[in-house]
Amino acid sequence: MKDSLILDYVSSTAALLGLALDEKRCQSVASHFQRTAAMAAMLDGVALVAHDELAEIYCPAPFPANEDGRDKL
């Protein structure tokens, strides 16, 4: 993505959100945004399948039971 397009995007989005960003801050945000986009592109280029995912699927622990056997809420 072109640097000028990213800078325009950051400036426009900041204006829409009512954020007062000076030119230096816009440049900094655009730089971080560009670096994040580059990292995402590298990750997107890696062919992964479901079993490559190391994290477990979230499963909340059950509520502990009261002395009468009913769940605490």
PDB file of N, CA and C in Angstrom:
ATOM      1  N   MET A   1       0.848  -1.172   0.000  1.00  0.00           N
ATOM      2  CA  MET A   1       0.000   0.000   0.000  1.00  0.00           C
ATOM      3  C   MET A   1       0.895   1.237   0.000  1.00  0.00           C
ATOM      4  N   LYS A   2       0.490   2.244  -0.743  1.00  0.00           N
ATOM      5  CA  LYS A   2       1.298   3.459  -0.828  1.00  0.00           C
ATOM      6  C   LYS A   2       1.284   4.226   0.488  1.00  0.00           C
ATOM      7  N   ASP A   3       2.437   4.814   0.799  1.00  0.00           N
ATOM      8  CA  ASP A   3       2.561   5.591   2.030  1.00  0.00           C
ATOM      9  C   ASP A   3       1.544   6.723   2.086  1.00  0.00           C
ATOM     10  N   SER A   4       1.329   7.395   0.961  1.00  0.00           N
ATOM     11  CA  SER A   4       0.403   8.533   0.949  1.00  0.00           C
ATOM     12  C   SER A   4      -1.028   8.081   1.192  1.00  0.00           C
ATOM     13  N   LEU A   5      -1.395   6.893   0.701  1.00  0.00           N
ATOM     14  CA  LEU A   5      -2.752   6.386   0.931  1.00  0.00           C
ATOM     15  C   LEU A   5      -2.970   6.056   2.404  1.00  0.00           C
ATOM     16  N   ILE A   6      -1.962   5.465   3.023  1.00  0.00           N
ATOM     17  CA  ILE A   6      -2.076   5.133   4.451  1.00  0.00           C
ATOM     18  C   ILE A   6      -2.175   6.412   5.278  1.00  0.00           C
ATOM     19  N   LEU A   7      -1.364   7.393   4.955  1.00  0.00           N
ATOM     20  CA  LEU A   7      -1.404   8.659   5.682  1.00  0.00           C
ATOM     21  C   LEU A   7      -2.762   9.343   5.494  1.00  0.00           C
ATOM     22  N   ASP A   8      -3.287   9.316   4.277  1.00  0.00           N
ATOM     23  CA  ASP A   8      -4.621   9.878   4.033  1.00  0.00           C
ATOM     24  C   ASP A   8      -5.681   9.140   4.840  1.00  0.00           C
ATOM     25  N   TYR A   9      -5.564   7.808   4.906  1.00  0.00           N
ATOM     26  CA  TYR A   9      -6.511   7.001   5.673  1.00  0.00           C
ATOM     27  C   TYR A   9      -6.469   7.373   7.152  1.00  0.00           C
ATOM     28  N   VAL A  10      -5.266   7.471   7.706  1.00  0.00           N
ATOM     29  CA  VAL A  10      -5.118   7.812   9.121  1.00  0.00           C
ATOM     30  C   VAL A  10      -5.670   9.207   9.399  1.00  0.00           C
ATOM     31  N   SER A  11      -5.345  10.157   8.561  1.00  0.00           N
ATOM     32  CA  SER A  11      -5.832  11.530   8.755  1.00  0.00           C
ATOM     33  C   SER A  11      -7.351  11.598   8.662  1.00  0.00           C
ATOM     34  N   SER A  12      -7.921  10.926   7.665  1.00  0.00           N
ATOM     35  CA  SER A  12      -9.376  10.937   7.481  1.00  0.00           C
ATOM     36  C   SER A  12     -10.088  10.258   8.647  1.00  0.00           C
ATOM     37  N   THR A  13      -9.572   9.121   9.057  1.00  0.00           N
ATOM     38  CA  THR A  13     -10.194   8.385  10.157  1.00  0.00           C
ATOM     39  C   THR A  13     -10.108   9.180  11.461  1.00  0.00           C
ATOM     40  N   ALA A  14      -8.975   9.815  11.700  1.00  0.00           N
ATOM     41  CA  ALA A  14      -8.826  10.638  12.903  1.00  0.00           C
ATOM     42  C   ALA A  14      -9.834  11.783  12.888  1.00  0.00           C
ATOM     43  N   ALA A  15     -10.021  12.395  11.742  1.00  0.00           N
ATOM     44  CA  ALA A  15     -10.981  13.493  11.634  1.00  0.00           C
ATOM     45  C   ALA A  15     -12.408  12.992  11.876  1.00  0.00           C
ATOM     46  N   LEU A  16     -12.747  11.837  11.307  1.00  0.00           N
ATOM     47  CA  LEU A  16     -14.087  11.282  11.509  1.00  0.00           C
ATOM     48  C   LEU A  16     -14.355  10.929  12.972  1.00  0.00           C
ATOM     49  N   LEU A  17     -13.304  10.494  13.661  1.00  0.00           N
ATOM     50  CA  LEU A  17     -13.447  10.128  15.070  1.00  0.00           C
ATOM     51  C   LEU A  17     -13.295  11.316  16.009  1.00  0.00           C
ATOM     52  N   GLY A  18     -12.980  12.465  15.458  1.00  0.00           N
ATOM     53  CA  GLY A  18     -12.814  13.662  16.273  1.00  0.00           C
ATOM     54  C   GLY A  18     -11.510  13.690  17.046  1.00  0.00           C
ATOM     55  N   LEU A  19     -10.498  13.010  16.537  1.00  0.00           N
ATOM     56  CA  LEU A  19      -9.189  12.992  17.190  1.00  0.00           C
ATOM     57  C   LEU A  19      -8.311  14.087  16.600  1.00  0.00           C
ATOM     58  N   ALA A  20      -7.763  14.894  17.452  1.00  0.00           N
ATOM     59  CA  ALA A  20      -6.886  15.972  16.986  1.00  0.00           C
ATOM     60  C   ALA A  20      -5.458  15.452  16.892  1.00  0.00           C
ATOM     61  N   LEU A  21      -5.068  15.020  15.702  1.00  0.00           N
ATOM     62  CA  LEU A  21      -3.710  14.514  15.503  1.00  0.00           C
ATOM     63  C   LEU A  21      -2.928  15.513  14.667  1.00  0.00           C
ATOM     64  N   ASP A  22      -1.748  15.895  15.163  1.00  0.00           N
ATOM     65  CA  ASP A  22      -0.900  16.763  14.354  1.00  0.00           C
ATOM     66  C   ASP A  22      -0.190  15.915  13.293  1.00  0.00           C
ATOM     67  N   GLU A  23       0.519  16.569  12.406  1.00  0.00           N
ATOM     68  CA  GLU A  23       1.162  15.881  11.281  1.00  0.00           C
ATOM     69  C   GLU A  23       2.154  14.818  11.749  1.00  0.00           C
ATOM     70  N   LYS A  24       2.923  15.131  12.796  1.00  0.00           N
ATOM     71  CA  LYS A  24       3.917  14.170  13.306  1.00  0.00           C
ATOM     72  C   LYS A  24       3.230  12.923  13.857  1.00  0.00           C
ATOM     73  N   ARG A  25       2.141  13.117  14.594  1.00  0.00           N
ATOM     74  CA  ARG A  25       1.418  11.973  15.169  1.00  0.00           C
ATOM     75  C   ARG A  25       0.766  11.148  14.057  1.00  0.00           C
ATOM     76  N   CYS A  26       0.210  11.804  13.042  1.00  0.00           N
ATOM     77  CA  CYS A  26      -0.372  11.078  11.905  1.00  0.00           C
ATOM     78  C   CYS A  26       0.686  10.227  11.216  1.00  0.00           C
ATOM     79  N   GLN A  27       1.874  10.778  11.042  1.00  0.00           N
ATOM     80  CA  GLN A  27       2.973  10.026  10.427  1.00  0.00           C
ATOM     81  C   GLN A  27       3.329   8.803  11.271  1.00  0.00           C
ATOM     82  N   SER A  28       3.368   8.979  12.581  1.00  0.00           N
ATOM     83  CA  SER A  28       3.705   7.878  13.492  1.00  0.00           C
ATOM     84  C   SER A  28       2.656   6.777  13.429  1.00  0.00           C
ATOM     85  N   VAL A  29       1.393   7.161  13.478  1.00  0.00           N
ATOM     86  CA  VAL A  29       0.306   6.173  13.415  1.00  0.00           C
ATOM     87  C   VAL A  29       0.336   5.450  12.071  1.00  0.00           C
ATOM     88  N   ALA A  30       0.551   6.196  10.989  1.00  0.00           N
ATOM     89  CA  ALA A  30       0.614   5.590   9.656  1.00  0.00           C
ATOM     90  C   ALA A  30       1.774   4.599   9.570  1.00  0.00           C
ATOM     91  N   SER A  31       2.904   4.926  10.189  1.00  0.00           N
ATOM     92  CA  SER A  31       4.057   4.029  10.192  1.00  0.00           C
ATOM     93  C   SER A  31       3.734   2.723  10.915  1.00  0.00           C
ATOM     94  N   HIS A  32       3.097   2.820  12.075  1.00  0.00           N
ATOM     95  CA  HIS A  32       2.704   1.616  12.829  1.00  0.00           C
ATOM     96  C   HIS A  32       1.672   0.801  12.046  1.00  0.00           C
ATOM     97  N   PHE A  33       0.737   1.500  11.427  1.00  0.00           N
ATOM     98  CA  PHE A  33      -0.301   0.833  10.649  1.00  0.00           C
ATOM     99  C   PHE A  33       0.317   0.072   9.479  1.00  0.00           C
ATOM    100  N   GLN A  34       1.277   0.687   8.813  1.00  0.00           N
ATOM    101  CA  GLN A  34       1.950   0.059   7.685  1.00  0.00           C
ATOM    102  C   GLN A  34       2.740  -1.175   8.138  1.00  0.00           C
ATOM    103  N   ARG A  35       3.393  -1.075   9.277  1.00  0.00           N
ATOM    104  CA  ARG A  35       4.149  -2.214   9.810  1.00  0.00           C
ATOM    105  C   ARG A  35       3.201  -3.355  10.187  1.00  0.00           C
ATOM    106  N   THR A  36       2.056  -3.024  10.786  1.00  0.00           N
ATOM    107  CA  THR A  36       1.069  -4.038  11.141  1.00  0.00           C
ATOM    108  C   THR A  36       0.524  -4.717   9.894  1.00  0.00           C
ATOM    109  N   ALA A  37       0.249  -3.941   8.850  1.00  0.00           N
ATOM    110  CA  ALA A  37      -0.244  -4.507   7.596  1.00  0.00           C
ATOM    111  C   ALA A  37       0.792  -5.445   6.984  1.00  0.00           C
ATOM    112  N   ALA A  38       2.066  -5.096   7.079  1.00  0.00           N
ATOM    113  CA  ALA A  38       3.131  -5.954   6.544  1.00  0.00           C
ATOM    114  C   ALA A  38       3.210  -7.269   7.318  1.00  0.00           C
ATOM    115  N   MET A  39       3.085  -7.211   8.642  1.00  0.00           N
ATOM    116  CA  MET A  39       3.106  -8.436   9.449  1.00  0.00           C
ATOM    117  C   MET A  39       1.904  -9.314   9.130  1.00  0.00           C
ATOM    118  N   ALA A  40       0.733  -8.696   8.980  1.00  0.00           N
ATOM    119  CA  ALA A  40      -0.477  -9.451   8.648  1.00  0.00           C
ATOM    120  C   ALA A  40      -0.338 -10.119   7.290  1.00  0.00           C
ATOM    121  N   ALA A  41       0.286  -9.433   6.328  1.00  0.00           N
ATOM    122  CA  ALA A  41       0.487 -10.011   5.002  1.00  0.00           C
ATOM    123  C   ALA A  41       1.404 -11.233   5.078  1.00  0.00           C
ATOM    124  N   MET A  42       2.442 -11.158   5.906  1.00  0.00           N
ATOM    125  CA  MET A  42       3.334 -12.314   6.061  1.00  0.00           C
ATOM    126  C   MET A  42       2.592 -13.493   6.677  1.00  0.00           C
ATOM    127  N   LEU A  43       1.806 -13.237   7.708  1.00  0.00           N
ATOM    128  CA  LEU A  43       1.043 -14.309   8.345  1.00  0.00           C
ATOM    129  C   LEU A  43      -0.003 -14.887   7.406  1.00  0.00           C
ATOM    130  N   ASP A  44      -0.607 -14.015   6.611  1.00  0.00           N
ATOM    131  CA  ASP A  44      -1.626 -14.455   5.670  1.00  0.00           C
ATOM    132  C   ASP A  44      -1.032 -15.354   4.595  1.00  0.00           C
ATOM    133  N   GLY A  45       0.254 -15.205   4.332  1.00  0.00           N
ATOM    134  CA  GLY A  45       0.910 -16.002   3.312  1.00  0.00           C
ATOM    135  C   GLY A  45       1.302 -17.396   3.761  1.00  0.00           C
ATOM    136  N   VAL A  46       1.164 -17.700   5.034  1.00  0.00           N
ATOM    137  CA  VAL A  46       1.535 -19.013   5.559  1.00  0.00           C
ATOM    138  C   VAL A  46       0.331 -19.942   5.449  1.00  0.00           C
ATOM    139  N   ALA A  47       0.547 -21.080   4.820  1.00  0.00           N
ATOM    140  CA  ALA A  47      -0.540 -22.050   4.659  1.00  0.00           C
ATOM    141  C   ALA A  47      -0.663 -22.889   5.929  1.00  0.00           C
ATOM    142  N   LEU A  48      -1.713 -22.655   6.692  1.00  0.00           N
ATOM    143  CA  LEU A  48      -1.954 -23.408   7.921  1.00  0.00           C
ATOM    144  C   LEU A  48      -3.242 -24.210   7.787  1.00  0.00           C
ATOM    145  N   VAL A  49      -3.284 -25.317   8.467  1.00  0.00           N
ATOM    146  CA  VAL A  49      -4.505 -26.113   8.543  1.00  0.00           C
ATOM    147  C   VAL A  49      -4.960 -26.144   9.999  1.00  0.00           C
ATOM    148  N   ALA A  50      -6.126 -26.672  10.240  1.00  0.00           N
ATOM    149  CA  ALA A  50      -6.726 -26.621  11.580  1.00  0.00           C
ATOM    150  C   ALA A  50      -5.824 -27.212  12.660  1.00  0.00           C
ATOM    151  N   HIS A  51      -5.142 -28.296  12.394  1.00  0.00           N
ATOM    152  CA  HIS A  51      -4.322 -28.922  13.455  1.00  0.00           C
ATOM    153  C   HIS A  51      -3.044 -28.138  13.748  1.00  0.00           C
ATOM    154  N   ASP A  52      -2.726 -27.116  12.948  1.00  0.00           N
ATOM    155  CA  ASP A  52      -1.575 -26.256  13.239  1.00  0.00           C
ATOM    156  C   ASP A  52      -1.867 -25.282  14.375  1.00  0.00           C
ATOM    157  N   GLU A  53      -3.129 -25.080  14.693  1.00  0.00           N
ATOM    158  CA  GLU A  53      -3.523 -24.157  15.757  1.00  0.00           C
ATOM    159  C   GLU A  53      -3.183 -24.792  17.098  1.00  0.00           C
ATOM    160  N   LEU A  54      -2.303 -24.135  17.858  1.00  0.00           N
ATOM    161  CA  LEU A  54      -1.855 -24.708  19.129  1.00  0.00           C
ATOM    162  C   LEU A  54      -2.755 -24.358  20.303  1.00  0.00           C
ATOM    163  N   ALA A  55      -3.475 -23.262  20.190  1.00  0.00           N
ATOM    164  CA  ALA A  55      -4.312 -22.836  21.314  1.00  0.00           C
ATOM    165  C   ALA A  55      -5.563 -23.700  21.402  1.00  0.00           C
ATOM    166  N   GLU A  56      -5.958 -23.985  22.631  1.00  0.00           N
ATOM    167  CA  GLU A  56      -7.182 -24.740  22.837  1.00  0.00           C
ATOM    168  C   GLU A  56      -8.389 -23.860  22.571  1.00  0.00           C
ATOM    169  N   ILE A  57      -9.485 -24.485  22.253  1.00  0.00           N
ATOM    170  CA  ILE A  57     -10.736 -23.755  22.130  1.00  0.00           C
ATOM    171  C   ILE A  57     -11.186 -23.400  23.540  1.00  0.00           C
ATOM    172  N   TYR A  58     -11.645 -22.164  23.722  1.00  0.00           N
ATOM    173  CA  TYR A  58     -12.041 -21.688  25.042  1.00  0.00           C
ATOM    174  C   TYR A  58     -13.210 -22.506  25.577  1.00  0.00           C
ATOM    175  N   CYS A  59     -13.052 -22.999  26.767  1.00  0.00           N
ATOM    176  CA  CYS A  59     -14.108 -23.752  27.441  1.00  0.00           C
ATOM    177  C   CYS A  59     -14.107 -23.283  28.895  1.00  0.00           C
ATOM    178  N   PRO A  60     -15.113 -22.481  29.287  1.00  0.00           N
ATOM    179  CA  PRO A  60     -15.110 -21.955  30.651  1.00  0.00           C
ATOM    180  C   PRO A  60     -15.266 -23.065  31.692  1.00  0.00           C
ATOM    181  N   ALA A  61     -14.641 -22.862  32.826  1.00  0.00           N
ATOM    182  CA  ALA A  61     -14.752 -23.822  33.918  1.00  0.00           C
ATOM    183  C   ALA A  61     -16.160 -23.757  34.501  1.00  0.00           C
ATOM    184  N   PRO A  62     -16.665 -24.880  34.972  1.00  0.00           N
ATOM    185  CA  PRO A  62     -18.003 -24.872  35.563  1.00  0.00           C
ATOM    186  C   PRO A  62     -18.007 -24.093  36.883  1.00  0.00           C
ATOM    187  N   PHE A  63     -19.164 -23.537  37.214  1.00  0.00           N
ATOM    188  CA  PHE A  63     -19.300 -22.858  38.498  1.00  0.00           C
ATOM    189  C   PHE A  63     -19.167 -23.873  39.613  1.00  0.00           C
ATOM    190  N   PRO A  64     -18.494 -23.511  40.709  1.00  0.00           N
ATOM    191  CA  PRO A  64     -18.436 -24.444  41.846  1.00  0.00           C
ATOM    192  C   PRO A  64     -19.816 -24.580  42.485  1.00  0.00           C
ATOM    193  N   ALA A  65     -20.096 -25.752  42.985  1.00  0.00           N
ATOM    194  CA  ALA A  65     -21.406 -26.016  43.583  1.00  0.00           C
ATOM    195  C   ALA A  65     -21.440 -25.553  45.035  1.00  0.00           C
ATOM    196  N   ASN A  66     -22.626 -25.164  45.490  1.00  0.00           N
ATOM    197  CA  ASN A  66     -22.855 -24.839  46.905  1.00  0.00           C
ATOM    198  C   ASN A  66     -22.883 -26.127  47.701  1.00  0.00           C
ATOM    199  N   GLU A  67     -23.015 -25.994  49.001  1.00  0.00           N
ATOM    200  CA  GLU A  67     -23.080 -27.183  49.862  1.00  0.00           C
ATOM    201  C   GLU A  67     -24.297 -28.027  49.574  1.00  0.00           C
ATOM    202  N   ASP A  68     -25.374 -27.404  49.041  1.00  0.00           N
ATOM    203  CA  ASP A  68     -26.587 -28.177  48.743  1.00  0.00           C
ATOM    204  C   ASP A  68     -26.545 -28.797  47.331  1.00  0.00           C
ATOM    205  N   GLY A  69     -25.413 -28.627  46.634  1.00  0.00           N
ATOM    206  CA  GLY A  69     -25.253 -29.252  45.331  1.00  0.00           C
ATOM    207  C   GLY A  69     -25.661 -28.381  44.153  1.00  0.00           C
ATOM    208  N   ARG A  70     -26.290 -27.211  44.441  1.00  0.00           N
ATOM    209  CA  ARG A  70     -26.706 -26.345  43.348  1.00  0.00           C
ATOM    210  C   ARG A  70     -25.543 -25.441  42.951  1.00  0.00           C
ATOM    211  N   ASP A  71     -25.535 -25.012  41.681  1.00  0.00           N
ATOM    212  CA  ASP A  71     -24.489 -24.110  41.201  1.00  0.00           C
ATOM    213  C   ASP A  71     -24.600 -22.758  41.859  1.00  0.00           C
ATOM    214  N   LYS A  72     -23.449 -22.151  42.163  1.00  0.00           N
ATOM    215  CA  LYS A  72     -23.420 -20.764  42.641  1.00  0.00           C
ATOM    216  C   LYS A  72     -23.637 -19.851  41.439  1.00  0.00           C
ATOM    217  N   LEU A  73     -24.355 -18.805  41.600  1.00  0.00           N
ATOM    218  CA  LEU A  73     -24.545 -17.832  40.520  1.00  0.00           C
ATOM    219  C   LEU A  73     -24.132 -16.491  40.920  1.00  0.00           C
TER     220      LEU A  73
END
